[in-house]
Amino acid sequence: MFGVAGAGSRGKLGWRKNRPQIGVRLSTPHEMTRTRTLGDGVEEWSCTRCSRRLLFRRPPEFEKIVLEPGDEWAAHVGAAGGLRVTVVEPGPPASGELAAQDRNWLAEHGIEWDPGDTP
């Protein structure tokens, strides 16, 4: 799986006085797909949403060469070998009661939990 391709104001939390700002948009994930396998274990990957293309060699001889940068602020992710990348969109926290197992764990560690507290 790949990580963040670049860093910039769209790809970071906003910081003010060493505290994150709420409401700063994060980059949208772009999915990379393996387009072909070359010799010596080198794979070519391309983005399905922008023009990003790269050559990638897996460890132990890891190497990554960017052929076309595409959207450098996007978080590029990809998987192979039958794995599938799923993007999770952030949303409001789930409401409801904590599971009994979670309440027990909190109690065992001396943490008081009020059902009205936000998980």
N, C-alpha and C. Protein backbone atom coordinates (compact mmCIF):
# COMPACT_ATOMS: atom_id res chain seq x y z
N MET A 1 0.84 -1.16 0.00
CA MET A 1 0.00 0.00 0.00
C MET A 1 0.88 1.23 0.00
N PHE A 2 0.49 2.27 -0.69
CA PHE A 2 1.28 3.48 -0.80
C PHE A 2 0.82 4.46 0.27
N GLY A 3 1.64 5.42 0.56
CA GLY A 3 1.28 6.46 1.53
C GLY A 3 1.06 7.78 0.83
N VAL A 4 1.11 8.85 1.56
CA VAL A 4 0.88 10.18 1.04
C VAL A 4 1.97 10.51 0.03
N ALA A 5 1.56 11.03 -1.12
CA ALA A 5 2.50 11.31 -2.19
C ALA A 5 3.21 12.64 -2.02
N GLY A 6 2.60 13.56 -1.35
CA GLY A 6 3.21 14.87 -1.18
C GLY A 6 2.67 15.51 0.07
N ALA A 7 3.16 16.67 0.38
CA ALA A 7 2.67 17.37 1.56
C ALA A 7 2.46 18.83 1.19
N GLY A 8 1.43 19.41 1.70
CA GLY A 8 1.13 20.80 1.43
C GLY A 8 -0.07 21.21 2.23
N SER A 9 -0.57 22.40 2.00
CA SER A 9 -1.65 22.90 2.83
C SER A 9 -2.91 22.06 2.69
N ARG A 10 -3.17 21.45 1.53
CA ARG A 10 -4.34 20.60 1.39
C ARG A 10 -4.15 19.25 2.04
N GLY A 11 -2.91 18.81 2.22
CA GLY A 11 -2.65 17.48 2.74
C GLY A 11 -2.31 17.44 4.21
N LYS A 12 -2.41 18.56 4.91
CA LYS A 12 -2.03 18.59 6.32
C LYS A 12 -3.17 19.18 7.14
N LEU A 13 -3.12 18.92 8.41
CA LEU A 13 -4.00 19.64 9.32
C LEU A 13 -3.45 21.06 9.45
N GLY A 14 -4.34 22.01 9.61
CA GLY A 14 -3.88 23.37 9.86
C GLY A 14 -3.43 23.49 11.30
N TRP A 15 -2.32 24.16 11.56
CA TRP A 15 -1.81 24.27 12.92
C TRP A 15 -1.79 25.73 13.33
N ARG A 16 -2.32 25.99 14.50
CA ARG A 16 -2.30 27.32 15.07
C ARG A 16 -1.97 27.16 16.55
N LYS A 17 -0.88 27.76 16.98
CA LYS A 17 -0.42 27.62 18.36
C LYS A 17 -0.29 26.15 18.76
N ASN A 18 0.28 25.33 17.86
CA ASN A 18 0.52 23.91 18.10
C ASN A 18 -0.76 23.10 18.32
N ARG A 19 -1.88 23.58 17.86
CA ARG A 19 -3.13 22.84 17.98
C ARG A 19 -3.76 22.71 16.60
N PRO A 20 -4.32 21.54 16.27
CA PRO A 20 -4.95 21.40 14.96
C PRO A 20 -6.21 22.24 14.86
N GLN A 21 -6.43 22.79 13.68
CA GLN A 21 -7.65 23.53 13.42
C GLN A 21 -8.71 22.55 12.93
N ILE A 22 -9.91 22.72 13.39
CA ILE A 22 -11.01 21.86 12.97
C ILE A 22 -11.60 22.43 11.69
N GLY A 23 -11.92 21.55 10.75
CA GLY A 23 -12.58 21.97 9.53
C GLY A 23 -11.66 22.15 8.35
N VAL A 24 -10.36 21.91 8.50
CA VAL A 24 -9.45 22.01 7.37
C VAL A 24 -9.59 20.75 6.54
N ARG A 25 -9.84 20.91 5.24
CA ARG A 25 -10.05 19.75 4.37
C ARG A 25 -8.75 18.99 4.14
N LEU A 26 -8.84 17.68 4.20
CA LEU A 26 -7.70 16.81 3.89
C LEU A 26 -7.80 16.40 2.43
N SER A 27 -6.73 15.89 1.89
CA SER A 27 -6.74 15.49 0.48
C SER A 27 -7.67 14.30 0.26
N THR A 28 -8.17 14.20 -0.95
CA THR A 28 -9.03 13.09 -1.34
C THR A 28 -8.14 11.95 -1.81
N PRO A 29 -8.38 10.72 -1.33
CA PRO A 29 -7.56 9.59 -1.78
C PRO A 29 -7.76 9.30 -3.27
N HIS A 30 -6.68 9.01 -3.94
CA HIS A 30 -6.71 8.58 -5.34
C HIS A 30 -6.23 7.13 -5.37
N GLU A 31 -6.90 6.28 -6.13
CA GLU A 31 -6.52 4.88 -6.19
C GLU A 31 -5.54 4.63 -7.33
N MET A 32 -4.44 3.97 -6.98
CA MET A 32 -3.43 3.58 -7.97
C MET A 32 -3.70 2.13 -8.37
N THR A 33 -3.54 1.83 -9.65
CA THR A 33 -3.67 0.45 -10.12
C THR A 33 -2.40 0.04 -10.85
N ARG A 34 -2.05 -1.23 -10.70
CA ARG A 34 -0.87 -1.76 -11.39
C ARG A 34 -1.25 -1.95 -12.85
N THR A 35 -0.53 -1.27 -13.75
CA THR A 35 -0.85 -1.34 -15.17
C THR A 35 -0.03 -2.39 -15.91
N ARG A 36 1.17 -2.65 -15.41
CA ARG A 36 1.97 -3.72 -16.02
C ARG A 36 3.15 -4.07 -15.12
N THR A 37 3.71 -5.26 -15.35
CA THR A 37 4.88 -5.71 -14.62
C THR A 37 6.03 -5.82 -15.61
N LEU A 38 7.13 -5.18 -15.26
CA LEU A 38 8.31 -5.18 -16.11
C LEU A 38 9.32 -6.19 -15.55
N GLY A 39 10.48 -6.30 -16.16
CA GLY A 39 11.52 -7.21 -15.68
C GLY A 39 12.08 -6.78 -14.34
N ASP A 40 12.79 -7.68 -13.69
CA ASP A 40 13.46 -7.44 -12.41
C ASP A 40 12.51 -7.02 -11.30
N GLY A 41 11.24 -7.44 -11.35
CA GLY A 41 10.30 -7.15 -10.28
C GLY A 41 9.80 -5.72 -10.24
N VAL A 42 9.97 -4.97 -11.30
CA VAL A 42 9.50 -3.58 -11.37
C VAL A 42 8.07 -3.57 -11.89
N GLU A 43 7.22 -2.79 -11.21
CA GLU A 43 5.82 -2.67 -11.61
C GLU A 43 5.53 -1.23 -11.99
N GLU A 44 4.68 -1.03 -12.98
CA GLU A 44 4.22 0.31 -13.33
C GLU A 44 2.83 0.49 -12.74
N TRP A 45 2.61 1.61 -12.04
CA TRP A 45 1.34 1.93 -11.42
C TRP A 45 0.85 3.27 -11.96
N SER A 46 -0.47 3.40 -12.11
CA SER A 46 -1.03 4.67 -12.55
C SER A 46 -2.28 4.98 -11.74
N CYS A 47 -2.55 6.27 -11.61
CA CYS A 47 -3.69 6.75 -10.85
C CYS A 47 -4.94 6.75 -11.73
N THR A 48 -6.07 6.37 -11.14
CA THR A 48 -7.33 6.33 -11.88
C THR A 48 -7.99 7.71 -11.94
N ARG A 49 -7.48 8.70 -11.17
CA ARG A 49 -8.12 10.02 -11.12
C ARG A 49 -7.25 11.16 -11.65
N CYS A 50 -5.94 10.98 -11.69
CA CYS A 50 -5.07 12.03 -12.22
C CYS A 50 -4.00 11.34 -13.08
N SER A 51 -3.08 12.07 -13.57
CA SER A 51 -2.09 11.50 -14.50
C SER A 51 -0.88 10.88 -13.80
N ARG A 52 -0.92 10.69 -12.48
CA ARG A 52 0.23 10.16 -11.75
C ARG A 52 0.59 8.76 -12.25
N ARG A 53 1.88 8.56 -12.55
CA ARG A 53 2.42 7.26 -12.95
C ARG A 53 3.75 7.07 -12.27
N LEU A 54 4.02 5.83 -11.85
CA LEU A 54 5.32 5.56 -11.23
C LEU A 54 5.75 4.13 -11.48
N LEU A 55 7.05 3.93 -11.31
CA LEU A 55 7.63 2.59 -11.34
C LEU A 55 7.94 2.25 -9.89
N PHE A 56 7.64 1.01 -9.52
CA PHE A 56 7.72 0.61 -8.13
C PHE A 56 8.35 -0.77 -8.05
N ARG A 57 9.37 -0.91 -7.20
CA ARG A 57 9.98 -2.21 -6.93
C ARG A 57 9.79 -2.49 -5.44
N ARG A 58 9.31 -3.66 -5.13
CA ARG A 58 9.02 -4.03 -3.74
C ARG A 58 10.30 -4.36 -2.98
N PRO A 59 10.23 -4.28 -1.64
CA PRO A 59 11.38 -4.66 -0.81
C PRO A 59 11.75 -6.12 -1.08
N PRO A 60 12.99 -6.51 -0.88
CA PRO A 60 14.02 -5.81 -0.12
C PRO A 60 14.79 -4.78 -0.95
N GLU A 61 14.56 -4.70 -2.26
CA GLU A 61 15.26 -3.73 -3.10
C GLU A 61 14.31 -2.60 -3.46
N PHE A 62 13.63 -2.05 -2.47
CA PHE A 62 12.61 -1.03 -2.70
C PHE A 62 13.14 0.12 -3.54
N GLU A 63 12.30 0.54 -4.49
CA GLU A 63 12.64 1.69 -5.32
C GLU A 63 11.33 2.26 -5.87
N LYS A 64 11.24 3.59 -5.92
CA LYS A 64 10.08 4.25 -6.49
C LYS A 64 10.57 5.38 -7.38
N ILE A 65 10.14 5.36 -8.64
CA ILE A 65 10.50 6.41 -9.59
C ILE A 65 9.20 7.01 -10.11
N VAL A 66 9.02 8.31 -9.92
CA VAL A 66 7.81 8.99 -10.38
C VAL A 66 8.01 9.38 -11.84
N LEU A 67 7.16 8.84 -12.72
CA LEU A 67 7.23 9.17 -14.15
C LEU A 67 6.41 10.42 -14.46
N GLU A 68 5.22 10.51 -13.92
CA GLU A 68 4.32 11.66 -14.06
C GLU A 68 3.81 11.99 -12.66
N PRO A 69 4.01 13.21 -12.16
CA PRO A 69 3.62 13.50 -10.78
C PRO A 69 2.11 13.55 -10.54
N GLY A 70 1.32 13.96 -11.52
CA GLY A 70 -0.13 14.05 -11.29
C GLY A 70 -0.43 15.02 -10.15
N ASP A 71 -1.47 14.73 -9.38
CA ASP A 71 -1.85 15.57 -8.24
C ASP A 71 -0.98 15.17 -7.06
N GLU A 72 0.05 15.96 -6.80
CA GLU A 72 1.00 15.63 -5.74
C GLU A 72 0.43 15.84 -4.35
N TRP A 73 -0.70 16.51 -4.21
CA TRP A 73 -1.31 16.76 -2.91
C TRP A 73 -2.26 15.65 -2.51
N ALA A 74 -2.63 14.80 -3.44
CA ALA A 74 -3.56 13.71 -3.15
C ALA A 74 -2.85 12.58 -2.42
N ALA A 75 -3.59 11.85 -1.62
CA ALA A 75 -3.07 10.65 -0.96
C ALA A 75 -3.28 9.50 -1.94
N HIS A 76 -2.22 9.00 -2.52
CA HIS A 76 -2.30 7.91 -3.50
C HIS A 76 -2.18 6.57 -2.77
N VAL A 77 -3.16 5.69 -2.99
CA VAL A 77 -3.18 4.37 -2.36
C VAL A 77 -3.38 3.31 -3.43
N GLY A 78 -2.89 2.10 -3.15
CA GLY A 78 -3.07 1.01 -4.09
C GLY A 78 -2.74 -0.32 -3.44
N ALA A 79 -3.23 -1.39 -4.02
CA ALA A 79 -2.98 -2.72 -3.49
C ALA A 79 -2.92 -3.70 -4.65
N ALA A 80 -2.28 -4.84 -4.40
CA ALA A 80 -2.16 -5.88 -5.41
C ALA A 80 -2.26 -7.24 -4.74
N GLY A 81 -2.25 -8.28 -5.53
CA GLY A 81 -2.28 -9.63 -4.98
C GLY A 81 -3.63 -10.01 -4.40
N GLY A 82 -4.70 -9.50 -5.00
CA GLY A 82 -6.03 -9.83 -4.54
C GLY A 82 -6.57 -8.92 -3.45
N LEU A 83 -5.74 -8.00 -2.96
CA LEU A 83 -6.20 -7.05 -1.95
C LEU A 83 -6.94 -5.91 -2.63
N ARG A 84 -7.86 -5.31 -1.93
CA ARG A 84 -8.63 -4.20 -2.47
C ARG A 84 -8.58 -3.05 -1.47
N VAL A 85 -8.28 -1.85 -1.93
CA VAL A 85 -8.24 -0.67 -1.08
C VAL A 85 -9.64 -0.10 -0.98
N THR A 86 -10.07 0.17 0.24
CA THR A 86 -11.36 0.79 0.47
C THR A 86 -11.13 2.13 1.13
N VAL A 87 -11.73 3.16 0.59
CA VAL A 87 -11.59 4.50 1.15
C VAL A 87 -12.72 4.72 2.14
N VAL A 88 -12.35 5.19 3.31
CA VAL A 88 -13.33 5.49 4.34
C VAL A 88 -13.49 6.99 4.41
N GLU A 89 -14.70 7.46 4.22
CA GLU A 89 -14.98 8.89 4.33
C GLU A 89 -15.28 9.22 5.78
N PRO A 90 -14.62 10.24 6.31
CA PRO A 90 -14.89 10.62 7.70
C PRO A 90 -16.30 11.17 7.83
N GLY A 91 -16.89 10.95 8.97
CA GLY A 91 -18.23 11.44 9.22
C GLY A 91 -18.41 11.69 10.70
N PRO A 92 -19.62 12.06 11.08
CA PRO A 92 -19.85 12.31 12.51
C PRO A 92 -19.72 11.02 13.29
N PRO A 93 -19.33 11.12 14.56
CA PRO A 93 -19.18 9.90 15.36
C PRO A 93 -20.50 9.16 15.50
N ALA A 94 -20.40 7.85 15.59
CA ALA A 94 -21.59 7.03 15.77
C ALA A 94 -22.19 7.31 17.14
N SER A 95 -23.48 7.41 17.17
CA SER A 95 -24.13 7.64 18.46
C SER A 95 -24.56 6.30 19.03
N GLY A 96 -24.78 6.26 20.30
CA GLY A 96 -25.24 5.02 20.92
C GLY A 96 -24.39 4.63 22.10
N GLU A 97 -24.78 3.57 22.70
CA GLU A 97 -24.16 3.05 23.90
C GLU A 97 -22.86 2.31 23.56
N LEU A 98 -21.90 2.38 24.47
CA LEU A 98 -20.69 1.59 24.31
C LEU A 98 -21.01 0.12 24.51
N ALA A 99 -20.30 -0.73 23.81
CA ALA A 99 -20.47 -2.17 23.98
C ALA A 99 -20.04 -2.57 25.39
N ALA A 100 -20.64 -3.63 25.91
CA ALA A 100 -20.33 -4.09 27.27
C ALA A 100 -18.84 -4.37 27.42
N GLN A 101 -18.22 -4.97 26.42
CA GLN A 101 -16.79 -5.27 26.48
C GLN A 101 -15.97 -3.98 26.65
N ASP A 102 -16.35 -2.91 25.95
CA ASP A 102 -15.64 -1.65 26.07
C ASP A 102 -15.85 -1.01 27.44
N ARG A 103 -17.08 -1.06 27.95
CA ARG A 103 -17.36 -0.52 29.29
C ARG A 103 -16.57 -1.28 30.35
N ASN A 104 -16.50 -2.62 30.22
CA ASN A 104 -15.73 -3.44 31.17
C ASN A 104 -14.25 -3.08 31.14
N TRP A 105 -13.70 -2.90 29.95
CA TRP A 105 -12.29 -2.54 29.82
C TRP A 105 -12.03 -1.21 30.51
N LEU A 106 -12.88 -0.23 30.27
CA LEU A 106 -12.72 1.07 30.92
C LEU A 106 -12.75 0.93 32.44
N ALA A 107 -13.72 0.18 32.95
CA ALA A 107 -13.85 -0.01 34.40
C ALA A 107 -12.62 -0.70 34.98
N GLU A 108 -12.09 -1.71 34.27
CA GLU A 108 -10.91 -2.43 34.73
C GLU A 108 -9.69 -1.52 34.82
N HIS A 109 -9.68 -0.46 34.04
CA HIS A 109 -8.55 0.46 34.02
C HIS A 109 -8.84 1.74 34.80
N GLY A 110 -9.88 1.69 35.63
CA GLY A 110 -10.17 2.82 36.50
C GLY A 110 -10.75 4.03 35.81
N ILE A 111 -11.35 3.83 34.65
CA ILE A 111 -11.92 4.95 33.89
C ILE A 111 -13.43 4.92 34.05
N GLU A 112 -13.96 6.01 34.58
CA GLU A 112 -15.41 6.09 34.75
C GLU A 112 -16.04 6.50 33.42
N TRP A 113 -17.16 5.88 33.11
CA TRP A 113 -17.84 6.17 31.85
C TRP A 113 -19.30 6.49 32.11
N ASP A 114 -19.71 7.65 31.68
CA ASP A 114 -21.11 8.07 31.77
C ASP A 114 -21.73 7.81 30.42
N PRO A 115 -22.87 7.11 30.34
CA PRO A 115 -23.48 6.83 29.05
C PRO A 115 -23.73 8.08 28.19
N GLY A 116 -23.78 9.25 28.81
CA GLY A 116 -23.98 10.48 28.05
C GLY A 116 -22.69 11.01 27.42
N ASP A 117 -21.52 10.43 27.80
CA ASP A 117 -20.25 10.86 27.23
C ASP A 117 -20.18 10.46 25.78
N THR A 118 -19.50 11.27 24.98
CA THR A 118 -19.32 10.96 23.56
C THR A 118 -18.16 10.00 23.40
N PRO A 119 -18.36 8.87 22.69
CA PRO A 119 -17.25 7.92 22.51
C PRO A 119 -16.14 8.50 21.67
